[in-house]
Amino acid sequence: MKASATLVFLAGIAATNARLLYIRNPQVNSQAFAGALGGVEATPVLDSGNPDRPFEVNGDTFVNIGAALQRSCDQQFNGCANLANGGDETISTADCQAQKGEF
């Protein structure tokens, strides 16, 4: 009985502190989208190392992965649109918008 109580206690600690047990690898890009119109890739989403704002995109940190992925997508769209508006005749802003919709 004592061993099972200890096991339940330790499992409870592990479950409530799972974030502390997570081994961080800041080099892993959580942005899986591979489209790159005009050669403009989505900005990487990395581990910031900050447990309160664990996701980083181009120096900005975010509380959740959804917000970080949205920023990455927006930055890619802006880079693509800048190319289209800057005279690159191989793409249009409509192409950039269509790519953004693929995410």
N, C-alpha and C. Protein backbone atom coordinates (compact mmCIF):
# COMPACT_ATOMS: atom_id res chain seq x y z
N MET A 1 0.83 -1.19 0.00
CA MET A 1 0.00 0.00 0.00
C MET A 1 0.87 1.25 0.00
N LYS A 2 1.93 1.21 0.80
CA LYS A 2 2.81 2.37 0.90
C LYS A 2 3.49 2.65 -0.45
N ALA A 3 3.89 1.61 -1.15
CA ALA A 3 4.55 1.78 -2.45
C ALA A 3 3.58 2.34 -3.48
N SER A 4 2.34 1.88 -3.47
CA SER A 4 1.38 2.40 -4.44
C SER A 4 1.02 3.85 -4.14
N ALA A 5 0.95 4.22 -2.88
CA ALA A 5 0.67 5.61 -2.51
C ALA A 5 1.82 6.51 -2.96
N THR A 6 3.04 6.02 -2.81
CA THR A 6 4.21 6.79 -3.26
C THR A 6 4.18 6.94 -4.77
N LEU A 7 3.84 5.88 -5.47
CA LEU A 7 3.76 5.93 -6.92
C LEU A 7 2.70 6.92 -7.40
N VAL A 8 1.54 6.90 -6.77
CA VAL A 8 0.47 7.84 -7.11
C VAL A 8 0.92 9.27 -6.84
N PHE A 9 1.58 9.48 -5.72
CA PHE A 9 2.09 10.82 -5.37
C PHE A 9 3.08 11.31 -6.42
N LEU A 10 4.03 10.47 -6.80
CA LEU A 10 5.04 10.87 -7.79
C LEU A 10 4.41 11.09 -9.17
N ALA A 11 3.43 10.28 -9.52
CA ALA A 11 2.74 10.48 -10.80
C ALA A 11 2.00 11.81 -10.81
N GLY A 12 1.41 12.17 -9.68
CA GLY A 12 0.73 13.45 -9.58
C GLY A 12 1.68 14.62 -9.74
N ILE A 13 2.84 14.52 -9.13
CA ILE A 13 3.86 15.58 -9.27
C ILE A 13 4.31 15.67 -10.72
N ALA A 14 4.56 14.54 -11.34
CA ALA A 14 5.00 14.54 -12.74
C ALA A 14 3.94 15.15 -13.65
N ALA A 15 2.68 14.85 -13.40
CA ALA A 15 1.61 15.37 -14.25
C ALA A 15 1.45 16.88 -14.09
N THR A 16 1.56 17.37 -12.87
CA THR A 16 1.38 18.81 -12.65
C THR A 16 2.60 19.62 -13.04
N ASN A 17 3.74 18.98 -13.12
CA ASN A 17 4.97 19.69 -13.48
C ASN A 17 5.53 19.23 -14.80
N ALA A 18 4.67 18.75 -15.69
CA ALA A 18 5.13 18.21 -16.97
C ALA A 18 5.93 19.24 -17.76
N ARG A 19 5.54 20.50 -17.68
CA ARG A 19 6.27 21.54 -18.41
C ARG A 19 7.71 21.64 -17.92
N LEU A 20 7.93 21.43 -16.62
CA LEU A 20 9.28 21.49 -16.07
C LEU A 20 10.12 20.30 -16.52
N LEU A 21 9.47 19.19 -16.80
CA LEU A 21 10.19 17.99 -17.21
C LEU A 21 10.49 17.96 -18.70
N TYR A 22 9.85 18.83 -19.46
CA TYR A 22 10.04 18.89 -20.90
C TYR A 22 11.47 19.33 -21.22
N ILE A 23 12.17 18.57 -22.02
CA ILE A 23 13.54 18.92 -22.42
C ILE A 23 13.46 19.81 -23.64
N ARG A 24 13.96 21.01 -23.51
CA ARG A 24 13.87 21.98 -24.59
C ARG A 24 14.97 21.79 -25.61
N ASN A 25 14.60 21.99 -26.86
CA ASN A 25 15.56 22.00 -27.95
C ASN A 25 15.25 23.23 -28.79
N PRO A 26 15.94 24.35 -28.51
CA PRO A 26 15.61 25.60 -29.19
C PRO A 26 15.89 25.59 -30.69
N GLN A 27 16.54 24.58 -31.19
CA GLN A 27 16.87 24.54 -32.61
C GLN A 27 15.77 23.90 -33.46
N VAL A 28 14.75 23.32 -32.83
CA VAL A 28 13.68 22.66 -33.57
C VAL A 28 12.65 23.70 -34.03
N ASN A 29 12.39 23.75 -35.32
CA ASN A 29 11.42 24.68 -35.89
C ASN A 29 10.03 24.04 -35.85
N SER A 30 9.11 24.68 -35.15
CA SER A 30 7.74 24.17 -35.05
C SER A 30 6.89 24.58 -36.25
N GLN A 31 7.41 25.41 -37.13
CA GLN A 31 6.69 25.83 -38.33
C GLN A 31 6.93 24.77 -39.41
N ALA A 32 5.89 24.04 -39.75
CA ALA A 32 6.03 22.93 -40.71
C ALA A 32 5.68 23.33 -42.14
N PHE A 33 5.11 24.53 -42.35
CA PHE A 33 4.71 24.94 -43.69
C PHE A 33 5.94 25.14 -44.56
N ALA A 34 5.95 24.50 -45.74
CA ALA A 34 7.14 24.52 -46.59
C ALA A 34 6.98 25.36 -47.85
N GLY A 35 5.79 25.92 -48.09
CA GLY A 35 5.60 26.76 -49.28
C GLY A 35 6.47 28.00 -49.20
N ALA A 36 6.97 28.46 -50.35
CA ALA A 36 7.87 29.62 -50.34
C ALA A 36 7.78 30.37 -51.67
N LEU A 37 6.66 31.02 -51.93
CA LEU A 37 6.52 31.82 -53.15
C LEU A 37 7.61 32.89 -53.21
N GLY A 38 8.23 33.02 -54.36
CA GLY A 38 9.28 34.02 -54.51
C GLY A 38 10.50 33.74 -53.66
N GLY A 39 10.58 32.54 -53.10
CA GLY A 39 11.71 32.19 -52.24
C GLY A 39 11.57 32.67 -50.81
N VAL A 40 10.41 33.24 -50.47
CA VAL A 40 10.19 33.74 -49.11
C VAL A 40 9.62 32.60 -48.26
N GLU A 41 10.42 32.11 -47.33
CA GLU A 41 10.00 31.03 -46.45
C GLU A 41 9.32 31.58 -45.21
N ALA A 42 8.51 30.74 -44.57
CA ALA A 42 7.88 31.12 -43.31
C ALA A 42 8.97 31.27 -42.25
N THR A 43 8.83 32.28 -41.42
CA THR A 43 9.79 32.52 -40.34
C THR A 43 9.75 31.34 -39.37
N PRO A 44 10.91 30.84 -38.92
CA PRO A 44 10.91 29.71 -37.98
C PRO A 44 10.23 30.05 -36.66
N VAL A 45 9.56 29.07 -36.09
CA VAL A 45 8.98 29.17 -34.75
C VAL A 45 9.84 28.30 -33.85
N LEU A 46 10.56 28.95 -32.94
CA LEU A 46 11.53 28.26 -32.09
C LEU A 46 11.13 28.34 -30.62
N ASP A 47 11.78 27.56 -29.79
CA ASP A 47 11.59 27.61 -28.35
C ASP A 47 12.35 28.81 -27.81
N SER A 48 11.67 29.71 -27.12
CA SER A 48 12.30 30.93 -26.62
C SER A 48 13.16 30.70 -25.39
N GLY A 49 12.91 29.60 -24.68
CA GLY A 49 13.61 29.36 -23.43
C GLY A 49 12.91 30.01 -22.24
N ASN A 50 11.83 30.74 -22.49
CA ASN A 50 11.06 31.41 -21.45
C ASN A 50 9.81 30.57 -21.19
N PRO A 51 9.66 29.99 -20.00
CA PRO A 51 8.51 29.13 -19.74
C PRO A 51 7.17 29.87 -19.79
N ASP A 52 7.18 31.18 -19.58
CA ASP A 52 5.93 31.95 -19.63
C ASP A 52 5.53 32.32 -21.05
N ARG A 53 6.51 32.44 -21.94
CA ARG A 53 6.27 32.78 -23.36
C ARG A 53 7.19 31.88 -24.19
N PRO A 54 6.84 30.60 -24.30
CA PRO A 54 7.78 29.60 -24.82
C PRO A 54 8.04 29.60 -26.32
N PHE A 55 7.30 30.36 -27.10
CA PHE A 55 7.47 30.31 -28.56
C PHE A 55 8.03 31.63 -29.07
N GLU A 56 9.02 31.55 -29.96
CA GLU A 56 9.68 32.74 -30.48
C GLU A 56 9.65 32.77 -32.00
N VAL A 57 9.31 33.94 -32.53
CA VAL A 57 9.32 34.17 -33.97
C VAL A 57 10.07 35.48 -34.22
N ASN A 58 11.24 35.35 -34.80
CA ASN A 58 12.02 36.54 -35.18
C ASN A 58 12.21 37.51 -34.02
N GLY A 59 12.48 36.98 -32.82
CA GLY A 59 12.75 37.81 -31.65
C GLY A 59 11.54 38.12 -30.80
N ASP A 60 10.33 37.92 -31.32
CA ASP A 60 9.11 38.15 -30.54
C ASP A 60 8.67 36.84 -29.90
N THR A 61 8.19 36.90 -28.65
CA THR A 61 7.78 35.69 -27.95
C THR A 61 6.27 35.64 -27.79
N PHE A 62 5.76 34.40 -27.67
CA PHE A 62 4.32 34.17 -27.63
C PHE A 62 3.97 33.13 -26.57
N VAL A 63 2.77 33.26 -26.02
CA VAL A 63 2.28 32.36 -24.99
C VAL A 63 1.88 31.01 -25.58
N ASN A 64 1.34 31.01 -26.81
CA ASN A 64 0.87 29.75 -27.38
C ASN A 64 1.36 29.58 -28.82
N ILE A 65 1.34 28.34 -29.26
CA ILE A 65 1.85 27.99 -30.58
C ILE A 65 1.00 28.59 -31.69
N GLY A 66 -0.30 28.71 -31.48
CA GLY A 66 -1.18 29.26 -32.51
C GLY A 66 -0.81 30.69 -32.87
N ALA A 67 -0.56 31.50 -31.85
CA ALA A 67 -0.19 32.90 -32.09
C ALA A 67 1.17 32.99 -32.78
N ALA A 68 2.10 32.13 -32.39
CA ALA A 68 3.43 32.13 -33.00
C ALA A 68 3.36 31.71 -34.47
N LEU A 69 2.58 30.69 -34.76
CA LEU A 69 2.43 30.25 -36.15
C LEU A 69 1.75 31.32 -37.00
N GLN A 70 0.78 32.01 -36.42
CA GLN A 70 0.11 33.09 -37.15
C GLN A 70 1.09 34.21 -37.48
N ARG A 71 1.95 34.58 -36.52
CA ARG A 71 2.95 35.63 -36.79
C ARG A 71 3.91 35.19 -37.88
N SER A 72 4.34 33.93 -37.82
CA SER A 72 5.24 33.39 -38.84
C SER A 72 4.60 33.47 -40.22
N CYS A 73 3.34 33.09 -40.29
CA CYS A 73 2.59 33.13 -41.55
C CYS A 73 2.43 34.57 -42.05
N ASP A 74 2.11 35.47 -41.14
CA ASP A 74 1.95 36.89 -41.52
C ASP A 74 3.26 37.48 -42.05
N GLN A 75 4.37 37.12 -41.41
CA GLN A 75 5.66 37.63 -41.88
C GLN A 75 5.99 37.09 -43.26
N GLN A 76 5.66 35.83 -43.50
CA GLN A 76 5.90 35.26 -44.83
C GLN A 76 5.03 35.98 -45.87
N PHE A 77 3.77 36.21 -45.54
CA PHE A 77 2.87 36.91 -46.45
C PHE A 77 3.41 38.31 -46.76
N ASN A 78 3.84 39.02 -45.73
CA ASN A 78 4.36 40.38 -45.94
C ASN A 78 5.59 40.38 -46.84
N GLY A 79 6.48 39.41 -46.64
CA GLY A 79 7.67 39.32 -47.49
C GLY A 79 7.31 39.01 -48.93
N CYS A 80 6.35 38.13 -49.12
CA CYS A 80 5.88 37.77 -50.46
C CYS A 80 5.22 38.98 -51.12
N ALA A 81 4.35 39.67 -50.38
CA ALA A 81 3.66 40.84 -50.93
C ALA A 81 4.65 41.96 -51.26
N ASN A 82 5.68 42.11 -50.45
CA ASN A 82 6.70 43.12 -50.74
C ASN A 82 7.39 42.83 -52.07
N LEU A 83 7.65 41.56 -52.34
CA LEU A 83 8.24 41.19 -53.64
C LEU A 83 7.28 41.51 -54.78
N ALA A 84 6.02 41.12 -54.60
CA ALA A 84 5.02 41.35 -55.66
C ALA A 84 4.84 42.85 -55.90
N ASN A 85 4.76 43.63 -54.85
CA ASN A 85 4.58 45.08 -54.98
C ASN A 85 5.85 45.79 -55.43
N GLY A 86 6.98 45.11 -55.27
CA GLY A 86 8.27 45.71 -55.64
C GLY A 86 8.65 45.45 -57.09
N GLY A 87 7.77 44.84 -57.85
CA GLY A 87 8.05 44.67 -59.27
C GLY A 87 8.35 43.25 -59.72
N ASP A 88 8.33 42.28 -58.82
CA ASP A 88 8.54 40.89 -59.23
C ASP A 88 7.30 40.42 -59.98
N GLU A 89 7.41 40.32 -61.29
CA GLU A 89 6.26 40.00 -62.13
C GLU A 89 5.91 38.51 -62.14
N THR A 90 6.71 37.69 -61.46
CA THR A 90 6.42 36.26 -61.43
C THR A 90 5.37 35.91 -60.38
N ILE A 91 5.09 36.83 -59.46
CA ILE A 91 4.07 36.59 -58.44
C ILE A 91 3.20 37.83 -58.26
N SER A 92 2.03 37.62 -57.70
CA SER A 92 1.12 38.74 -57.40
C SER A 92 0.72 38.65 -55.93
N THR A 93 0.15 39.73 -55.43
CA THR A 93 -0.32 39.69 -54.04
C THR A 93 -1.44 38.67 -53.89
N ALA A 94 -2.20 38.42 -54.96
CA ALA A 94 -3.24 37.39 -54.91
C ALA A 94 -2.60 36.00 -54.72
N ASP A 95 -1.45 35.78 -55.36
CA ASP A 95 -0.72 34.52 -55.17
C ASP A 95 -0.29 34.39 -53.71
N CYS A 96 0.20 35.49 -53.15
CA CYS A 96 0.64 35.48 -51.75
C CYS A 96 -0.54 35.18 -50.82
N GLN A 97 -1.69 35.79 -51.10
CA GLN A 97 -2.88 35.55 -50.28
C GLN A 97 -3.33 34.11 -50.40
N ALA A 98 -3.26 33.55 -51.60
CA ALA A 98 -3.64 32.14 -51.79
C ALA A 98 -2.71 31.23 -51.00
N GLN A 99 -1.41 31.55 -51.00
CA GLN A 99 -0.46 30.74 -50.23
C GLN A 99 -0.77 30.83 -48.74
N LYS A 100 -1.12 32.02 -48.27
CA LYS A 100 -1.45 32.20 -46.86
C LYS A 100 -2.64 31.34 -46.48
N GLY A 101 -3.58 31.17 -47.41
CA GLY A 101 -4.75 30.34 -47.16
C GLY A 101 -4.44 28.85 -47.09
N GLU A 102 -3.27 28.44 -47.58
CA GLU A 102 -2.88 27.03 -47.54
C GLU A 102 -2.52 26.58 -46.14
N PHE A 103 -2.16 27.52 -45.29
CA PHE A 103 -1.76 27.17 -43.93
C PHE A 103 -2.97 26.78 -43.17
